[in-house]
Amino acid sequence: MAVVPKSEPQDVTLPPAPAATSPPKPKPTPKPTDTSAKTRDAALKEISEYRRVTAWSIHRWPLEKRIVPERTRVHLPRTYRARHGADVRTVYPDTDLNQFVHAHYAEERSRKGAPKGRAAAALGEWPNYVASEGVLARRHEFLGPDPRVAGFWVDAAGEYHVKWYDAFLGDQWIDDRKWSFDVRPNARGDWVEADDVDP
């Protein structure tokens, strides 16, 4: 009986790769050299739409990280436009601020340990925008119909304040004030975002 060696598999040659095509060039940002109101308004519209789209809903887990480099405090309003005050919490270095804010507003407001007397009456008057019965009410339900975190504003003391955008109401607020988008030219001549906080 003759031994026939087993044939080895041959590598298949691949066809040459197609010529690389360059990706489409991004739409250029309007330059402020033409200082007309039309180009400024177009840049303002584009930047504000982007900011609103990237705002994350408070009742969902945040997708981006915002790491705090040093120990600071964050102001967390209790109700819509902080009509009933704000909680001030300490945040330590290397804490993800987005996750910290999400965890704060995901907590349930339980009946156990609730304050007695006038403070309890005040808590009962807070409007719950999600469920009027307040069964297992979570903190975010008192901020508005669809509160979203659009970013953070750092005050002169280095403390963080949440920039809120309510998609249902179309309202933008920080603590008890409103804020709005604005654009200005940077050193390179591009339009960039400049936030204004109304007094």
N, C-alpha and C. Protein backbone atom coordinates (compact mmCIF):
# COMPACT_ATOMS: atom_id res chain seq x y z
N MET A 1 0.84 -1.15 0.00
CA MET A 1 0.00 0.00 0.00
C MET A 1 0.90 1.23 0.00
N ALA A 2 0.65 2.07 -0.89
CA ALA A 2 1.47 3.27 -1.04
C ALA A 2 0.89 4.39 -0.18
N VAL A 3 1.80 5.10 0.48
CA VAL A 3 1.38 6.23 1.33
C VAL A 3 1.43 7.49 0.47
N VAL A 4 0.27 8.11 0.42
CA VAL A 4 0.18 9.36 -0.35
C VAL A 4 0.14 10.52 0.65
N PRO A 5 1.03 11.46 0.55
CA PRO A 5 1.01 12.57 1.50
C PRO A 5 -0.26 13.41 1.33
N LYS A 6 -0.73 13.90 2.45
CA LYS A 6 -1.93 14.73 2.46
C LYS A 6 -1.59 16.09 1.87
N SER A 7 -2.47 16.57 1.03
CA SER A 7 -2.19 17.86 0.40
C SER A 7 -2.46 18.98 1.40
N GLU A 8 -1.56 19.93 1.43
CA GLU A 8 -1.67 21.07 2.34
C GLU A 8 -2.61 22.10 1.73
N PRO A 9 -3.39 22.76 2.58
CA PRO A 9 -4.26 23.80 2.03
C PRO A 9 -3.44 24.99 1.53
N GLN A 10 -3.90 25.55 0.46
CA GLN A 10 -3.21 26.68 -0.15
C GLN A 10 -3.88 27.97 0.31
N ASP A 11 -3.05 28.98 0.56
CA ASP A 11 -3.61 30.29 0.93
C ASP A 11 -4.28 30.90 -0.29
N VAL A 12 -5.45 31.44 -0.02
CA VAL A 12 -6.19 32.10 -1.09
C VAL A 12 -5.66 33.51 -1.22
N THR A 13 -5.39 33.91 -2.41
CA THR A 13 -4.91 35.28 -2.61
C THR A 13 -6.12 36.20 -2.72
N LEU A 14 -6.04 37.27 -2.00
CA LEU A 14 -7.13 38.24 -2.01
C LEU A 14 -6.94 39.22 -3.15
N PRO A 15 -8.04 39.71 -3.70
CA PRO A 15 -7.90 40.71 -4.75
C PRO A 15 -7.34 42.00 -4.13
N PRO A 16 -6.71 42.82 -4.93
CA PRO A 16 -6.14 44.06 -4.38
C PRO A 16 -7.25 44.95 -3.81
N ALA A 17 -6.89 45.69 -2.76
CA ALA A 17 -7.86 46.58 -2.11
C ALA A 17 -8.23 47.70 -3.07
N PRO A 18 -9.50 48.11 -3.02
CA PRO A 18 -9.89 49.22 -3.90
C PRO A 18 -9.18 50.50 -3.47
N ALA A 19 -9.05 51.39 -4.40
CA ALA A 19 -8.38 52.66 -4.11
C ALA A 19 -9.15 53.39 -3.02
N ALA A 20 -8.42 53.91 -2.05
CA ALA A 20 -9.05 54.61 -0.93
C ALA A 20 -9.66 55.91 -1.42
N THR A 21 -10.89 56.11 -1.04
CA THR A 21 -11.54 57.37 -1.38
C THR A 21 -11.52 58.24 -0.15
N SER A 22 -11.34 59.49 -0.37
CA SER A 22 -11.29 60.41 0.78
C SER A 22 -12.70 60.60 1.32
N PRO A 23 -12.84 60.69 2.64
CA PRO A 23 -14.16 60.90 3.21
C PRO A 23 -14.70 62.26 2.80
N PRO A 24 -16.01 62.41 2.81
CA PRO A 24 -16.56 63.71 2.41
C PRO A 24 -16.09 64.79 3.38
N LYS A 25 -15.77 65.92 2.82
CA LYS A 25 -15.28 67.01 3.65
C LYS A 25 -16.44 67.57 4.49
N PRO A 26 -16.16 67.88 5.79
CA PRO A 26 -17.23 68.43 6.61
C PRO A 26 -17.62 69.82 6.12
N LYS A 27 -18.87 70.13 6.40
CA LYS A 27 -19.38 71.43 6.00
C LYS A 27 -18.63 72.52 6.76
N PRO A 28 -18.04 73.47 6.08
CA PRO A 28 -17.27 74.48 6.80
C PRO A 28 -18.16 75.34 7.68
N THR A 29 -17.61 75.69 8.84
CA THR A 29 -18.33 76.56 9.76
C THR A 29 -18.31 77.97 9.19
N PRO A 30 -19.42 78.67 9.28
CA PRO A 30 -19.43 80.03 8.75
C PRO A 30 -18.38 80.89 9.43
N LYS A 31 -17.64 81.63 8.63
CA LYS A 31 -16.58 82.51 9.15
C LYS A 31 -17.18 83.87 9.50
N PRO A 32 -16.71 84.45 10.61
CA PRO A 32 -17.25 85.74 10.99
C PRO A 32 -16.68 86.92 10.20
N THR A 33 -15.90 86.65 9.14
CA THR A 33 -15.41 87.75 8.33
C THR A 33 -16.57 88.50 7.71
N ASP A 34 -17.60 87.75 7.34
CA ASP A 34 -18.82 88.39 6.89
C ASP A 34 -19.69 88.56 8.13
N THR A 35 -19.66 89.72 8.72
CA THR A 35 -20.30 89.93 10.01
C THR A 35 -21.79 90.17 9.89
N SER A 36 -22.36 89.76 8.81
CA SER A 36 -23.80 89.98 8.65
C SER A 36 -24.57 89.14 9.65
N ALA A 37 -25.73 89.60 9.96
CA ALA A 37 -26.58 88.91 10.92
C ALA A 37 -27.00 87.54 10.39
N LYS A 38 -26.99 87.38 9.08
CA LYS A 38 -27.42 86.12 8.49
C LYS A 38 -26.45 84.99 8.84
N THR A 39 -25.14 85.22 8.71
CA THR A 39 -24.17 84.16 9.02
C THR A 39 -24.12 83.89 10.51
N ARG A 40 -24.26 84.93 11.33
CA ARG A 40 -24.28 84.75 12.78
C ARG A 40 -25.50 83.92 13.19
N ASP A 41 -26.65 84.23 12.61
CA ASP A 41 -27.87 83.47 12.94
C ASP A 41 -27.76 82.02 12.50
N ALA A 42 -27.14 81.78 11.35
CA ALA A 42 -26.95 80.40 10.88
C ALA A 42 -26.04 79.63 11.83
N ALA A 43 -24.95 80.26 12.27
CA ALA A 43 -24.04 79.61 13.22
C ALA A 43 -24.73 79.37 14.55
N LEU A 44 -25.50 80.34 15.02
CA LEU A 44 -26.23 80.19 16.28
C LEU A 44 -27.23 79.04 16.20
N LYS A 45 -27.92 78.94 15.10
CA LYS A 45 -28.90 77.86 14.93
C LYS A 45 -28.22 76.50 14.92
N GLU A 46 -27.11 76.39 14.19
CA GLU A 46 -26.39 75.11 14.09
C GLU A 46 -25.83 74.67 15.44
N ILE A 47 -25.20 75.59 16.16
CA ILE A 47 -24.59 75.25 17.44
C ILE A 47 -25.65 74.94 18.49
N SER A 48 -26.75 75.71 18.52
CA SER A 48 -27.79 75.45 19.52
C SER A 48 -28.51 74.13 19.25
N GLU A 49 -28.73 73.79 17.99
CA GLU A 49 -29.34 72.49 17.68
C GLU A 49 -28.44 71.35 18.12
N TYR A 50 -27.13 71.48 17.89
CA TYR A 50 -26.19 70.45 18.31
C TYR A 50 -26.20 70.30 19.83
N ARG A 51 -26.21 71.41 20.55
CA ARG A 51 -26.20 71.37 22.02
C ARG A 51 -27.48 70.71 22.54
N ARG A 52 -28.61 70.99 21.94
CA ARG A 52 -29.87 70.40 22.39
C ARG A 52 -29.92 68.91 22.10
N VAL A 53 -29.35 68.49 20.98
CA VAL A 53 -29.34 67.07 20.62
C VAL A 53 -28.43 66.30 21.57
N THR A 54 -27.33 66.89 21.99
CA THR A 54 -26.38 66.18 22.85
C THR A 54 -26.76 66.23 24.33
N ALA A 55 -27.80 66.99 24.69
CA ALA A 55 -28.25 67.02 26.08
C ALA A 55 -28.83 65.64 26.43
N TRP A 56 -28.43 65.08 27.57
CA TRP A 56 -28.88 63.74 27.93
C TRP A 56 -30.02 63.82 28.94
N SER A 57 -30.97 62.94 28.76
CA SER A 57 -32.16 62.90 29.61
C SER A 57 -31.77 62.38 30.99
N ILE A 58 -32.24 63.05 32.02
CA ILE A 58 -31.80 62.77 33.39
C ILE A 58 -32.26 61.39 33.87
N HIS A 59 -33.34 60.85 33.32
CA HIS A 59 -33.79 59.54 33.78
C HIS A 59 -33.11 58.39 33.05
N ARG A 60 -32.17 58.69 32.17
CA ARG A 60 -31.39 57.65 31.48
C ARG A 60 -29.92 57.77 31.88
N TRP A 61 -29.20 56.67 31.74
CA TRP A 61 -27.79 56.65 32.10
C TRP A 61 -27.00 57.54 31.14
N PRO A 62 -26.12 58.41 31.65
CA PRO A 62 -25.34 59.28 30.76
C PRO A 62 -24.33 58.49 29.94
N LEU A 63 -24.14 58.90 28.70
CA LEU A 63 -23.22 58.20 27.81
C LEU A 63 -21.81 58.79 27.84
N GLU A 64 -21.69 60.04 28.25
CA GLU A 64 -20.38 60.68 28.28
C GLU A 64 -19.89 60.81 29.71
N LYS A 65 -18.59 60.87 29.86
CA LYS A 65 -18.00 61.08 31.18
C LYS A 65 -17.57 62.53 31.31
N ARG A 66 -17.72 63.04 32.50
CA ARG A 66 -17.24 64.39 32.84
C ARG A 66 -16.54 64.25 34.18
N ILE A 67 -15.24 64.07 34.17
CA ILE A 67 -14.45 63.81 35.37
C ILE A 67 -14.10 65.13 36.04
N VAL A 68 -14.30 65.19 37.35
CA VAL A 68 -13.98 66.39 38.13
C VAL A 68 -12.52 66.26 38.58
N PRO A 69 -11.68 67.26 38.28
CA PRO A 69 -10.26 67.14 38.62
C PRO A 69 -9.93 67.40 40.08
N GLU A 70 -10.78 68.11 40.79
CA GLU A 70 -10.49 68.44 42.19
C GLU A 70 -11.79 68.44 43.00
N ARG A 71 -11.63 68.47 44.32
CA ARG A 71 -12.79 68.49 45.21
C ARG A 71 -13.54 69.80 45.02
N THR A 72 -14.84 69.69 44.81
CA THR A 72 -15.68 70.85 44.60
C THR A 72 -17.11 70.53 45.03
N ARG A 73 -18.01 71.44 44.78
CA ARG A 73 -19.42 71.20 45.12
C ARG A 73 -20.27 71.37 43.87
N VAL A 74 -21.40 70.67 43.87
CA VAL A 74 -22.34 70.77 42.76
C VAL A 74 -23.70 71.14 43.32
N HIS A 75 -24.37 72.07 42.64
CA HIS A 75 -25.69 72.54 43.06
C HIS A 75 -26.74 71.78 42.27
N LEU A 76 -27.64 71.09 42.99
CA LEU A 76 -28.66 70.25 42.36
C LEU A 76 -30.04 70.76 42.78
N PRO A 77 -30.77 71.43 41.87
CA PRO A 77 -32.08 71.97 42.23
C PRO A 77 -33.06 70.86 42.60
N ARG A 78 -33.93 71.16 43.55
CA ARG A 78 -34.93 70.18 44.00
C ARG A 78 -36.14 70.15 43.07
N THR A 79 -36.51 71.31 42.53
CA THR A 79 -37.69 71.40 41.67
C THR A 79 -37.35 72.24 40.45
N TYR A 80 -38.33 72.38 39.56
CA TYR A 80 -38.19 73.18 38.35
C TYR A 80 -37.79 74.61 38.70
N ARG A 81 -36.72 75.10 38.09
CA ARG A 81 -36.15 76.43 38.31
C ARG A 81 -35.83 76.69 39.77
N ALA A 82 -35.55 75.63 40.53
CA ALA A 82 -35.10 75.71 41.92
C ALA A 82 -36.02 76.56 42.77
N ARG A 83 -37.31 76.43 42.54
CA ARG A 83 -38.28 77.22 43.32
C ARG A 83 -38.31 76.80 44.79
N HIS A 84 -37.89 75.58 45.08
CA HIS A 84 -37.86 75.08 46.46
C HIS A 84 -36.43 74.81 46.90
N GLY A 85 -35.48 75.58 46.37
CA GLY A 85 -34.10 75.46 46.80
C GLY A 85 -33.31 74.43 46.01
N ALA A 86 -32.08 74.25 46.44
CA ALA A 86 -31.18 73.30 45.78
C ALA A 86 -30.38 72.55 46.84
N ASP A 87 -30.05 71.32 46.53
CA ASP A 87 -29.15 70.54 47.37
C ASP A 87 -27.73 70.80 46.89
N VAL A 88 -26.83 71.04 47.81
CA VAL A 88 -25.43 71.25 47.47
C VAL A 88 -24.67 70.04 47.99
N ARG A 89 -24.04 69.31 47.07
CA ARG A 89 -23.32 68.10 47.41
C ARG A 89 -21.83 68.26 47.08
N THR A 90 -21.01 67.63 47.88
CA THR A 90 -19.57 67.65 47.65
C THR A 90 -19.20 66.54 46.68
N VAL A 91 -18.34 66.89 45.72
CA VAL A 91 -17.85 65.94 44.74
C VAL A 91 -16.34 65.86 44.90
N TYR A 92 -15.82 64.65 44.94
CA TYR A 92 -14.40 64.43 45.17
C TYR A 92 -13.65 64.22 43.86
N PRO A 93 -12.31 64.37 43.85
CA PRO A 93 -11.54 64.21 42.61
C PRO A 93 -11.78 62.85 41.96
N ASP A 94 -11.71 62.85 40.64
CA ASP A 94 -11.89 61.66 39.79
C ASP A 94 -13.30 61.10 39.83
N THR A 95 -14.28 61.90 40.23
CA THR A 95 -15.68 61.49 40.20
C THR A 95 -16.27 61.89 38.86
N ASP A 96 -17.07 61.01 38.27
CA ASP A 96 -17.77 61.33 37.04
C ASP A 96 -18.99 62.17 37.42
N LEU A 97 -18.98 63.43 37.02
CA LEU A 97 -20.04 64.34 37.40
C LEU A 97 -21.39 63.95 36.80
N ASN A 98 -21.39 63.46 35.56
CA ASN A 98 -22.65 63.04 34.93
C ASN A 98 -23.28 61.88 35.70
N GLN A 99 -22.48 60.89 36.10
CA GLN A 99 -23.02 59.76 36.85
C GLN A 99 -23.48 60.20 38.24
N PHE A 100 -22.77 61.13 38.84
CA PHE A 100 -23.14 61.64 40.16
C PHE A 100 -24.50 62.32 40.10
N VAL A 101 -24.72 63.16 39.08
CA VAL A 101 -25.99 63.87 38.92
C VAL A 101 -27.11 62.87 38.63
N HIS A 102 -26.83 61.90 37.76
CA HIS A 102 -27.85 60.88 37.44
C HIS A 102 -28.24 60.09 38.69
N ALA A 103 -27.26 59.68 39.47
CA ALA A 103 -27.55 58.90 40.69
C ALA A 103 -28.35 59.72 41.69
N HIS A 104 -28.06 61.00 41.78
CA HIS A 104 -28.80 61.87 42.72
C HIS A 104 -30.27 61.94 42.33
N TYR A 105 -30.54 62.15 41.06
CA TYR A 105 -31.93 62.32 40.63
C TYR A 105 -32.65 60.99 40.42
N ALA A 106 -31.95 59.88 40.42
CA ALA A 106 -32.61 58.57 40.30
C ALA A 106 -33.08 58.06 41.65
N GLU A 107 -32.64 58.69 42.74
CA GLU A 107 -33.06 58.26 44.08
C GLU A 107 -34.55 58.48 44.27
N GLU A 108 -35.15 57.59 45.04
CA GLU A 108 -36.57 57.72 45.36
C GLU A 108 -36.74 58.68 46.53
N ARG A 109 -37.80 59.45 46.47
CA ARG A 109 -38.16 60.29 47.60
C ARG A 109 -39.13 59.48 48.44
N SER A 110 -38.64 58.85 49.47
CA SER A 110 -39.47 57.95 50.26
C SER A 110 -40.22 58.72 51.33
N ARG A 111 -41.26 58.11 51.82
CA ARG A 111 -42.05 58.70 52.90
C ARG A 111 -41.34 58.51 54.24
N LYS A 112 -40.50 57.43 54.34
CA LYS A 112 -39.76 57.21 55.57
C LYS A 112 -38.71 58.29 55.74
N GLY A 113 -38.58 58.79 56.94
CA GLY A 113 -37.57 59.79 57.22
C GLY A 113 -37.90 61.15 56.67
N ALA A 114 -39.13 61.31 56.17
CA ALA A 114 -39.52 62.62 55.65
C ALA A 114 -39.69 63.59 56.80
N PRO A 115 -39.43 64.85 56.58
CA PRO A 115 -39.56 65.82 57.67
C PRO A 115 -41.00 65.96 58.13
N LYS A 116 -41.16 66.42 59.34
CA LYS A 116 -42.48 66.59 59.94
C LYS A 116 -42.86 68.08 59.94
N GLY A 117 -44.14 68.37 60.07
CA GLY A 117 -44.62 69.74 60.24
C GLY A 117 -44.59 70.55 58.95
N ARG A 118 -44.07 71.80 59.05
CA ARG A 118 -44.08 72.72 57.91
C ARG A 118 -43.26 72.18 56.74
N ALA A 119 -42.13 71.54 57.04
CA ALA A 119 -41.29 71.00 55.97
C ALA A 119 -42.03 69.92 55.20
N ALA A 120 -42.81 69.09 55.90
CA ALA A 120 -43.57 68.03 55.23
C ALA A 120 -44.65 68.64 54.35
N ALA A 121 -45.29 69.71 54.82
CA ALA A 121 -46.32 70.38 54.01
C ALA A 121 -45.70 70.97 52.75
N ALA A 122 -44.50 71.52 52.86
CA ALA A 122 -43.82 72.09 51.70
C ALA A 122 -43.48 71.01 50.68
N LEU A 123 -43.04 69.83 51.15
CA LEU A 123 -42.72 68.74 50.23
C LEU A 123 -43.96 68.28 49.48
N GLY A 124 -45.10 68.28 50.13
CA GLY A 124 -46.33 67.84 49.49
C GLY A 124 -46.80 68.80 48.41
N GLU A 125 -46.35 70.04 48.45
CA GLU A 125 -46.77 71.04 47.47
C GLU A 125 -45.92 71.04 46.21
N TRP A 126 -44.83 70.32 46.20
CA TRP A 126 -43.97 70.29 45.02
C TRP A 126 -44.71 69.61 43.88
N PRO A 127 -44.75 70.20 42.69
CA PRO A 127 -45.44 69.54 41.57
C PRO A 127 -44.61 68.40 41.00
N ASN A 128 -45.24 67.24 40.89
CA ASN A 128 -44.60 66.08 40.26
C ASN A 128 -45.08 66.04 38.82
N TYR A 129 -44.18 66.22 37.85
CA TYR A 129 -44.54 66.31 36.45
C TYR A 129 -44.76 64.96 35.79
N VAL A 130 -44.44 63.87 36.49
CA VAL A 130 -44.56 62.55 35.89
C VAL A 130 -45.76 61.80 36.44
N ALA A 131 -45.88 61.72 37.77
CA ALA A 131 -46.99 60.99 38.40
C ALA A 131 -47.50 61.81 39.58
N SER A 132 -48.70 62.28 39.47
CA SER A 132 -49.23 63.16 40.52
C SER A 132 -49.44 62.42 41.84
N GLU A 133 -49.59 61.09 41.80
CA GLU A 133 -49.79 60.34 43.04
C GLU A 133 -48.53 60.31 43.88
N GLY A 134 -47.37 60.44 43.26
CA GLY A 134 -46.11 60.41 43.99
C GLY A 134 -45.74 59.03 44.50
N VAL A 135 -46.26 57.97 43.88
CA VAL A 135 -45.91 56.62 44.29
C VAL A 135 -44.49 56.34 43.82
N LEU A 136 -43.60 56.05 44.74
CA LEU A 136 -42.19 55.84 44.44
C LEU A 136 -41.63 56.97 43.58
N ALA A 137 -41.94 58.18 43.99
CA ALA A 137 -41.50 59.35 43.23
C ALA A 137 -39.98 59.46 43.27
N ARG A 138 -39.40 59.70 42.13
CA ARG A 138 -37.96 59.91 42.04
C ARG A 138 -37.71 61.41 41.93
N ARG A 139 -36.52 61.82 42.28
CA ARG A 139 -36.22 63.25 42.35
C ARG A 139 -36.35 63.96 41.01
N HIS A 140 -36.05 63.28 39.91
CA HIS A 140 -36.10 63.95 38.61
C HIS A 140 -37.52 64.29 38.19
N GLU A 141 -38.52 63.69 38.80
CA GLU A 141 -39.90 63.92 38.42
C GLU A 141 -40.39 65.31 38.82
N PHE A 142 -39.62 66.02 39.63
CA PHE A 142 -40.01 67.35 40.10
C PHE A 142 -39.31 68.46 39.31
N LEU A 143 -38.51 68.09 38.31
CA LEU A 143 -37.75 69.08 37.54
C LEU A 143 -38.45 69.55 36.29
N GLY A 144 -39.49 68.88 35.86
CA GLY A 144 -40.20 69.26 34.65
C GLY A 144 -40.60 68.02 33.88
N PRO A 145 -41.34 68.19 32.77
CA PRO A 145 -41.79 67.03 31.99
C PRO A 145 -40.66 66.22 31.35
N ASP A 146 -39.63 66.87 30.83
CA ASP A 146 -38.53 66.15 30.16
C ASP A 146 -37.22 66.87 30.42
N PRO A 147 -36.70 66.81 31.67
CA PRO A 147 -35.45 67.52 31.97
C PRO A 147 -34.24 66.81 31.38
N ARG A 148 -33.35 67.60 30.78
CA ARG A 148 -32.13 67.07 30.18
C ARG A 148 -30.95 67.91 30.64
N VAL A 149 -29.81 67.26 30.85
CA VAL A 149 -28.59 67.95 31.25
C VAL A 149 -27.86 68.37 29.97
N ALA A 150 -27.75 69.69 29.78
CA ALA A 150 -27.09 70.22 28.59
C ALA A 150 -25.63 70.56 28.86
N GLY A 151 -25.22 70.50 30.11
CA GLY A 151 -23.84 70.81 30.45
C GLY A 151 -23.76 71.35 31.87
N PHE A 152 -22.64 71.97 32.16
CA PHE A 152 -22.43 72.52 33.49
C PHE A 152 -21.84 73.92 33.37
N TRP A 153 -22.19 74.76 34.31
CA TRP A 153 -21.63 76.10 34.40
C TRP A 153 -20.82 76.16 35.68
N VAL A 154 -19.60 76.66 35.61
CA VAL A 154 -18.73 76.76 36.77
C VAL A 154 -18.71 78.22 37.21
N ASP A 155 -19.08 78.46 38.47
CA ASP A 155 -19.11 79.84 38.97
C ASP A 155 -17.72 80.29 39.41
N ALA A 156 -17.63 81.50 39.94
CA ALA A 156 -16.33 82.07 40.33
C ALA A 156 -15.68 81.28 41.46
N ALA A 157 -16.46 80.60 42.29
CA ALA A 157 -15.92 79.81 43.40
C ALA A 157 -15.48 78.41 42.96
N GLY A 158 -15.68 78.08 41.68
CA GLY A 158 -15.29 76.77 41.17
C GLY A 158 -16.34 75.70 41.42
N GLU A 159 -17.56 76.10 41.77
CA GLU A 159 -18.65 75.14 42.01
C GLU A 159 -19.46 74.95 40.73
N TYR A 160 -19.97 73.73 40.55
CA TYR A 160 -20.69 73.38 39.33
C TYR A 160 -22.19 73.59 39.52
N HIS A 161 -22.82 74.11 38.47
CA HIS A 161 -24.27 74.28 38.41
C HIS A 161 -24.73 73.58 37.12
N VAL A 162 -25.81 72.82 37.22
CA VAL A 162 -26.30 72.05 36.07
C VAL A 162 -27.04 72.97 35.12
N LYS A 163 -26.71 72.86 33.83
CA LYS A 163 -27.44 73.57 32.78
C LYS A 163 -28.56 72.64 32.32
N TRP A 164 -29.79 73.03 32.56
CA TRP A 164 -30.94 72.20 32.22
C TRP A 164 -31.56 72.68 30.92
N TYR A 165 -32.04 71.71 30.13
CA TYR A 165 -32.84 72.00 28.95
C TYR A 165 -34.03 71.06 29.00
N ASP A 166 -35.23 71.62 28.99
CA ASP A 166 -36.44 70.80 29.00
C ASP A 166 -36.95 70.70 27.57
N ALA A 167 -36.89 69.51 26.99
CA ALA A 167 -37.26 69.31 25.59
C ALA A 167 -38.75 69.54 25.37
N PHE A 168 -39.58 69.24 26.36
CA PHE A 168 -41.02 69.42 26.21
C PHE A 168 -41.40 70.89 26.29
N LEU A 169 -40.85 71.59 27.27
CA LEU A 169 -41.18 73.01 27.46
C LEU A 169 -40.34 73.92 26.57
N GLY A 170 -39.20 73.42 26.09
CA GLY A 170 -38.29 74.24 25.30
C GLY A 170 -37.62 75.31 26.16
N ASP A 171 -37.46 75.04 27.44
CA ASP A 171 -36.93 76.00 28.40
C ASP A 171 -35.51 75.62 28.79
N GLN A 172 -34.67 76.62 29.02
CA GLN A 172 -33.29 76.41 29.43
C GLN A 172 -33.08 77.17 30.72
N TRP A 173 -32.57 76.49 31.76
CA TRP A 173 -32.42 77.15 33.05
C TRP A 173 -31.26 76.58 33.85
N ILE A 174 -30.70 77.44 34.71
CA ILE A 174 -29.67 77.08 35.67
C ILE A 174 -30.16 77.60 37.01
N ASP A 175 -30.27 76.73 37.99
CA ASP A 175 -30.77 77.11 39.31
C ASP A 175 -32.07 77.90 39.15
N ASP A 176 -32.10 79.16 39.55
CA ASP A 176 -33.35 79.93 39.44
C ASP A 176 -33.30 80.94 38.29
N ARG A 177 -32.32 80.80 37.39
CA ARG A 177 -32.17 81.75 36.28
C ARG A 177 -32.31 81.03 34.95
N LYS A 178 -32.57 81.82 33.92
CA LYS A 178 -32.60 81.29 32.55
C LYS A 178 -31.21 81.44 31.95
N TRP A 179 -30.92 80.64 30.94
CA TRP A 179 -29.69 80.80 30.19
C TRP A 179 -30.01 80.62 28.72
N SER A 180 -29.16 81.18 27.87
CA SER A 180 -29.41 81.11 26.44
C SER A 180 -28.11 80.90 25.70
N PHE A 181 -28.23 80.48 24.45
CA PHE A 181 -27.07 80.28 23.59
C PHE A 181 -26.71 81.60 22.93
N ASP A 182 -25.44 81.77 22.67
CA ASP A 182 -24.96 82.88 21.86
C ASP A 182 -23.67 82.43 21.20
N VAL A 183 -23.29 83.07 20.13
CA VAL A 183 -22.05 82.74 19.45
C VAL A 183 -21.17 83.99 19.36
N ARG A 184 -19.87 83.73 19.27
CA ARG A 184 -18.90 84.82 19.11
C ARG A 184 -17.75 84.27 18.29
N PRO A 185 -17.00 85.13 17.62
CA PRO A 185 -15.85 84.64 16.86
C PRO A 185 -14.68 84.35 17.78
N ASN A 186 -13.93 83.28 17.46
CA ASN A 186 -12.73 82.97 18.25
C ASN A 186 -11.51 83.55 17.54
N ALA A 187 -10.31 83.25 18.03
CA ALA A 187 -9.08 83.82 17.47
C ALA A 187 -8.84 83.38 16.04
N ARG A 188 -9.29 82.17 15.67
CA ARG A 188 -9.10 81.67 14.30
C ARG A 188 -10.16 82.18 13.34
N GLY A 189 -11.19 82.83 13.85
CA GLY A 189 -12.24 83.35 12.99
C GLY A 189 -13.44 82.44 12.87
N ASP A 190 -13.51 81.36 13.66
CA ASP A 190 -14.67 80.47 13.63
C ASP A 190 -15.70 80.94 14.64
N TRP A 191 -16.95 80.59 14.39
CA TRP A 191 -18.01 80.89 15.36
C TRP A 191 -17.96 79.83 16.46
N VAL A 192 -17.94 80.24 17.71
CA VAL A 192 -17.94 79.32 18.84
C VAL A 192 -19.05 79.70 19.80
N GLU A 193 -19.39 78.77 20.66
CA GLU A 193 -20.49 78.95 21.61
C GLU A 193 -20.06 79.84 22.77
N ALA A 194 -20.96 80.72 23.18
CA ALA A 194 -20.76 81.55 24.37
C ALA A 194 -22.07 81.55 25.10
N ASP A 195 -22.10 80.97 26.30
CA ASP A 195 -23.35 80.89 27.07
C ASP A 195 -23.58 82.18 27.83
N ASP A 196 -24.81 82.59 27.83
CA ASP A 196 -25.21 83.76 28.60
C ASP A 196 -26.19 83.32 29.66
N VAL A 197 -25.99 83.78 30.88
CA VAL A 197 -26.92 83.51 31.97
C VAL A 197 -27.65 84.80 32.25
N ASP A 198 -28.97 84.76 32.10
CA ASP A 198 -29.78 85.97 32.37
C ASP A 198 -29.80 86.24 33.86
N PRO A 199 -29.69 87.52 34.25
CA PRO A 199 -29.74 87.82 35.69
C PRO A 199 -31.13 87.61 36.27
